[in-house]
N, C-alpha and C. Protein backbone atom coordinates (compact mmCIF):
# COMPACT_ATOMS: atom_id res chain seq x y z
N MET A 1 60.01 252.30 110.66
CA MET A 1 60.82 251.18 111.10
C MET A 1 61.18 251.41 112.57
N ASN A 2 60.99 250.36 113.40
CA ASN A 2 61.32 250.50 114.82
C ASN A 2 62.79 250.16 115.08
N LYS A 3 63.22 250.33 116.31
CA LYS A 3 64.63 250.11 116.65
C LYS A 3 65.06 248.68 116.36
N PHE A 4 64.24 247.70 116.70
CA PHE A 4 64.57 246.30 116.46
C PHE A 4 64.84 246.06 114.97
N GLU A 5 63.94 246.54 114.12
CA GLU A 5 64.08 246.35 112.68
C GLU A 5 65.30 247.09 112.13
N SER A 6 65.50 248.33 112.59
CA SER A 6 66.65 249.09 112.07
C SER A 6 67.98 248.47 112.51
N GLU A 7 68.04 247.93 113.73
CA GLU A 7 69.26 247.26 114.19
C GLU A 7 69.50 245.97 113.39
N LEU A 8 68.43 245.19 113.14
CA LEU A 8 68.58 243.98 112.32
C LEU A 8 69.08 244.33 110.93
N LYS A 9 68.54 245.41 110.38
CA LYS A 9 68.96 245.84 109.05
C LYS A 9 70.46 246.12 109.01
N ASN A 10 71.01 246.55 110.15
CA ASN A 10 72.45 246.81 110.27
C ASN A 10 73.23 245.59 110.75
N GLY A 11 72.55 244.43 110.84
CA GLY A 11 73.24 243.20 111.23
C GLY A 11 73.38 242.99 112.72
N ASN A 12 72.58 243.71 113.53
CA ASN A 12 72.65 243.59 114.98
C ASN A 12 71.34 243.03 115.52
N PHE A 13 71.43 241.94 116.29
CA PHE A 13 70.27 241.34 116.93
C PHE A 13 70.17 241.92 118.34
N VAL A 14 69.19 242.78 118.57
CA VAL A 14 69.01 243.42 119.88
C VAL A 14 67.68 243.00 120.49
N VAL A 15 67.62 243.08 121.81
CA VAL A 15 66.39 242.81 122.55
C VAL A 15 66.14 243.97 123.50
N SER A 16 64.89 244.07 123.94
CA SER A 16 64.58 245.05 124.97
C SER A 16 64.42 244.29 126.29
N GLU A 17 65.03 244.84 127.34
CA GLU A 17 65.02 244.21 128.66
C GLU A 17 64.50 245.22 129.67
N CYS A 18 63.58 244.80 130.51
CA CYS A 18 63.02 245.70 131.52
C CYS A 18 64.10 246.13 132.51
N ILE A 19 64.16 247.43 132.79
CA ILE A 19 65.18 247.91 133.73
C ILE A 19 64.81 247.58 135.17
N THR A 20 63.54 247.23 135.42
CA THR A 20 63.10 246.92 136.78
C THR A 20 63.08 245.42 137.07
N CYS A 21 62.33 244.66 136.27
CA CYS A 21 62.18 243.23 136.55
C CYS A 21 63.13 242.35 135.75
N LYS A 22 63.93 242.94 134.86
CA LYS A 22 64.99 242.26 134.10
C LYS A 22 64.47 241.21 133.12
N GLN A 23 63.19 241.23 132.81
CA GLN A 23 62.63 240.30 131.85
C GLN A 23 62.87 240.79 130.42
N ILE A 24 63.13 239.86 129.51
CA ILE A 24 63.21 240.20 128.09
C ILE A 24 61.79 240.46 127.61
N VAL A 25 61.59 241.54 126.92
CA VAL A 25 60.27 241.89 126.40
C VAL A 25 60.22 241.47 124.93
N TRP A 26 59.31 240.54 124.65
CA TRP A 26 59.20 240.01 123.28
C TRP A 26 57.75 239.88 122.91
N PRO A 27 57.31 240.46 121.80
CA PRO A 27 58.10 241.24 120.88
C PRO A 27 58.68 242.48 121.55
N THR A 28 59.75 242.98 120.99
CA THR A 28 60.47 244.10 121.58
C THR A 28 59.57 245.32 121.74
N SER A 29 59.83 246.08 122.78
CA SER A 29 59.02 247.27 123.09
C SER A 29 59.82 248.20 123.99
N ASP A 30 59.40 249.44 124.05
CA ASP A 30 60.02 250.40 124.97
C ASP A 30 59.48 250.27 126.38
N PHE A 31 58.44 249.44 126.55
CA PHE A 31 57.81 249.26 127.86
C PHE A 31 57.62 247.78 128.17
N CYS A 32 57.82 247.41 129.43
CA CYS A 32 57.69 246.04 129.88
C CYS A 32 56.23 245.61 129.86
N ASN A 33 55.95 244.41 129.34
CA ASN A 33 54.59 243.92 129.33
C ASN A 33 54.23 243.17 130.61
N ILE A 34 55.14 243.16 131.59
CA ILE A 34 54.87 242.53 132.89
C ILE A 34 54.65 243.59 133.97
N CYS A 35 55.62 244.51 134.12
CA CYS A 35 55.50 245.53 135.19
C CYS A 35 55.27 246.94 134.64
N TYR A 36 55.27 247.09 133.31
CA TYR A 36 54.95 248.34 132.62
C TYR A 36 56.00 249.45 132.79
N ASN A 37 57.18 249.10 133.26
CA ASN A 37 58.26 250.07 133.35
C ASN A 37 58.99 250.15 132.01
N THR A 38 59.94 251.05 131.91
CA THR A 38 60.67 251.22 130.65
C THR A 38 61.71 250.11 130.47
N THR A 39 62.13 249.96 129.25
CA THR A 39 63.13 248.95 128.91
C THR A 39 64.40 249.60 128.41
N LYS A 40 65.45 248.82 128.38
CA LYS A 40 66.71 249.25 127.75
C LYS A 40 66.99 248.28 126.62
N TRP A 41 67.71 248.74 125.62
CA TRP A 41 68.07 247.91 124.48
C TRP A 41 69.48 247.38 124.70
N ARG A 42 69.67 246.12 124.36
CA ARG A 42 71.00 245.52 124.47
C ARG A 42 71.13 244.43 123.41
N ASN A 43 72.37 244.04 123.13
CA ASN A 43 72.61 242.96 122.19
C ASN A 43 72.09 241.65 122.77
N ALA A 44 71.46 240.87 121.92
CA ALA A 44 71.00 239.54 122.33
C ALA A 44 72.17 238.58 122.40
N ASN A 45 72.01 237.54 123.17
CA ASN A 45 73.01 236.48 123.22
C ASN A 45 73.09 235.85 121.83
N ASN A 46 74.29 235.60 121.33
CA ASN A 46 74.41 235.02 119.99
C ASN A 46 74.53 233.49 120.01
N ILE A 47 74.49 232.89 121.20
CA ILE A 47 74.50 231.43 121.33
C ILE A 47 73.09 230.99 121.73
N GLY A 48 72.61 229.95 121.07
CA GLY A 48 71.29 229.43 121.38
C GLY A 48 71.27 227.92 121.25
N LYS A 49 70.06 227.38 121.32
CA LYS A 49 69.91 225.94 121.14
C LYS A 49 68.71 225.66 120.25
N ILE A 50 68.78 224.55 119.56
CA ILE A 50 67.71 224.16 118.64
C ILE A 50 66.56 223.56 119.45
N ILE A 51 65.37 224.13 119.29
CA ILE A 51 64.17 223.62 119.95
C ILE A 51 63.48 222.60 119.04
N GLU A 52 63.38 222.94 117.78
CA GLU A 52 62.87 222.01 116.77
C GLU A 52 63.39 222.45 115.42
N PHE A 53 63.37 221.52 114.47
CA PHE A 53 63.88 221.85 113.14
C PHE A 53 63.16 221.04 112.08
N SER A 54 63.33 221.47 110.85
CA SER A 54 62.75 220.79 109.71
C SER A 54 63.70 220.95 108.53
N LYS A 55 63.43 220.23 107.48
CA LYS A 55 64.28 220.30 106.29
C LYS A 55 63.41 220.55 105.07
N LYS A 56 63.86 221.47 104.23
CA LYS A 56 63.20 221.72 102.95
C LYS A 56 64.29 221.70 101.90
N ASN A 57 64.14 220.80 100.92
CA ASN A 57 65.16 220.58 99.91
C ASN A 57 66.46 220.21 100.63
N ASN A 58 67.52 220.97 100.47
CA ASN A 58 68.78 220.66 101.14
C ASN A 58 69.10 221.61 102.28
N SER A 59 68.09 222.36 102.75
CA SER A 59 68.31 223.35 103.81
C SER A 59 67.53 222.98 105.07
N PHE A 60 68.16 223.25 106.21
CA PHE A 60 67.50 223.07 107.51
C PHE A 60 67.08 224.44 108.02
N PHE A 61 65.96 224.48 108.71
CA PHE A 61 65.53 225.69 109.40
C PHE A 61 64.87 225.23 110.69
N GLY A 62 64.78 226.14 111.65
CA GLY A 62 64.19 225.71 112.91
C GLY A 62 63.91 226.83 113.87
N LEU A 63 63.40 226.43 115.01
CA LEU A 63 63.09 227.32 116.12
C LEU A 63 64.28 227.29 117.06
N ILE A 64 64.88 228.46 117.28
CA ILE A 64 66.09 228.57 118.10
C ILE A 64 65.78 229.40 119.35
N GLU A 65 66.15 228.87 120.52
CA GLU A 65 65.99 229.61 121.77
C GLU A 65 67.31 230.26 122.11
N VAL A 66 67.31 231.61 122.25
CA VAL A 66 68.57 232.31 122.52
C VAL A 66 68.73 232.71 123.98
N GLU A 67 67.67 233.10 124.65
CA GLU A 67 67.77 233.42 126.08
C GLU A 67 66.39 233.67 126.66
N GLN A 68 66.24 233.38 127.96
CA GLN A 68 64.98 233.61 128.68
C GLN A 68 63.75 233.23 127.85
N ASN A 69 63.79 232.08 127.23
CA ASN A 69 62.68 231.58 126.41
C ASN A 69 62.40 232.42 125.18
N LEU A 70 63.32 233.24 124.77
CA LEU A 70 63.18 234.02 123.53
C LEU A 70 63.49 233.10 122.37
N ARG A 71 62.51 232.93 121.49
CA ARG A 71 62.66 232.00 120.38
C ARG A 71 62.45 232.70 119.05
N VAL A 72 63.32 232.38 118.10
CA VAL A 72 63.23 232.95 116.75
C VAL A 72 63.38 231.82 115.73
N MET A 73 62.78 232.03 114.57
CA MET A 73 62.92 231.09 113.46
C MET A 73 64.14 231.49 112.64
N GLY A 74 64.88 230.50 112.19
CA GLY A 74 66.03 230.83 111.37
C GLY A 74 66.54 229.64 110.59
N LYS A 75 67.41 229.92 109.66
CA LYS A 75 68.08 228.89 108.88
C LYS A 75 69.20 228.31 109.74
N ILE A 76 69.42 227.00 109.61
CA ILE A 76 70.47 226.31 110.35
C ILE A 76 71.49 225.80 109.34
N VAL A 77 72.72 226.29 109.45
CA VAL A 77 73.80 225.86 108.57
C VAL A 77 74.57 224.77 109.31
N THR A 78 74.69 223.61 108.67
CA THR A 78 75.35 222.48 109.31
C THR A 78 75.86 221.50 108.26
N ASP A 79 76.85 220.69 108.65
CA ASP A 79 77.38 219.66 107.76
C ASP A 79 76.62 218.35 107.88
N LYS A 80 75.86 218.19 108.97
CA LYS A 80 75.09 216.97 109.18
C LYS A 80 73.74 217.32 109.79
N ILE A 81 72.92 216.33 109.99
CA ILE A 81 71.57 216.56 110.52
C ILE A 81 71.67 217.18 111.91
N PRO A 82 70.99 218.32 112.14
CA PRO A 82 71.03 218.93 113.47
C PRO A 82 70.32 218.06 114.51
N GLU A 83 70.52 218.38 115.77
CA GLU A 83 69.88 217.65 116.86
C GLU A 83 69.14 218.63 117.76
N ILE A 84 68.04 218.17 118.35
CA ILE A 84 67.31 218.97 119.33
C ILE A 84 68.26 219.26 120.49
N ASN A 85 68.23 220.48 121.00
CA ASN A 85 69.09 220.98 122.09
C ASN A 85 70.54 221.21 121.68
N GLN A 86 70.87 221.00 120.41
CA GLN A 86 72.23 221.28 119.95
C GLN A 86 72.47 222.79 119.97
N LYS A 87 73.67 223.17 120.38
CA LYS A 87 74.01 224.59 120.43
C LYS A 87 74.28 225.12 119.02
N VAL A 88 73.88 226.38 118.83
CA VAL A 88 74.12 227.08 117.57
C VAL A 88 74.61 228.49 117.89
N ILE A 89 75.27 229.10 116.92
CA ILE A 89 75.72 230.47 117.06
C ILE A 89 75.11 231.29 115.93
N LEU A 90 74.69 232.50 116.25
CA LEU A 90 74.14 233.40 115.24
C LEU A 90 75.27 233.88 114.34
N LYS A 91 75.16 233.59 113.06
CA LYS A 91 76.19 234.00 112.11
C LYS A 91 75.79 235.26 111.35
N GLU A 92 74.49 235.44 111.14
CA GLU A 92 74.03 236.59 110.36
C GLU A 92 72.58 236.89 110.70
N CYS A 93 72.27 238.17 110.73
CA CYS A 93 70.87 238.59 110.87
C CYS A 93 70.67 239.82 110.00
N SER A 94 69.44 239.97 109.53
CA SER A 94 69.14 241.11 108.66
C SER A 94 67.63 241.36 108.67
N PHE A 95 67.24 242.42 108.00
CA PHE A 95 65.82 242.75 107.90
C PHE A 95 65.56 243.34 106.52
N ASN A 96 64.67 242.69 105.78
CA ASN A 96 64.21 243.19 104.50
C ASN A 96 62.74 242.79 104.39
N LYS A 97 61.87 243.60 104.94
CA LYS A 97 60.43 243.37 105.08
C LYS A 97 60.11 242.39 106.20
N THR A 98 60.99 241.41 106.47
CA THR A 98 60.84 240.49 107.59
C THR A 98 62.22 240.20 108.18
N PRO A 99 62.27 239.81 109.47
CA PRO A 99 63.55 239.45 110.07
C PRO A 99 64.12 238.18 109.43
N LYS A 100 65.45 238.09 109.38
CA LYS A 100 66.12 236.93 108.85
C LYS A 100 67.28 236.59 109.79
N PHE A 101 67.33 235.31 110.21
CA PHE A 101 68.39 234.84 111.10
C PHE A 101 69.04 233.60 110.49
N ILE A 102 70.37 233.55 110.54
CA ILE A 102 71.11 232.37 110.09
C ILE A 102 72.01 231.92 111.25
N PHE A 103 71.82 230.66 111.65
CA PHE A 103 72.59 230.07 112.75
C PHE A 103 73.46 228.95 112.21
N LYS A 104 74.60 228.73 112.87
CA LYS A 104 75.51 227.63 112.51
C LYS A 104 75.63 226.72 113.73
N THR A 105 75.56 225.42 113.48
CA THR A 105 75.68 224.48 114.60
C THR A 105 77.08 224.54 115.19
N ILE A 106 77.15 224.30 116.49
CA ILE A 106 78.42 224.25 117.21
C ILE A 106 78.67 222.78 117.55
N THR A 107 79.82 222.27 117.15
CA THR A 107 80.16 220.89 117.47
C THR A 107 80.98 220.86 118.74
N ASN A 108 80.72 219.85 119.54
CA ASN A 108 81.44 219.73 120.83
C ASN A 108 82.78 219.09 120.67
C-alpha cells in the first residue's frame, strides 16, 4: 500500500506536490512527472466544484475538481439536484481496495 492509499484508509485525502515547480502530481508519486524533482505530501483542499454528475437510483455521483485540475470521482450528498460548478466539501474519504470520496453540496 502506498502513502496515498494508507492516508485515505485513515480518512486523510493527501496529494503530492513538486517542491520545485509546485505542480500537483496526479496520480500521486514521490517524483514530479514534469520536472522530475521530488515531491512533498500535503493535505488536499477539501473544497471543490462539480464538473459533471449523474444519478443512479436515489444517489448522485460525479466528477469533482478540488485543485489545479485534480479531479476525483465521488458520491454527492445533497437535498436537491446538484448543479455544474456548484461548490462541494469533502465529508469523508476512505480506501478499501479502491478510493472512496463523499462530498456534500455547499449552498450559498
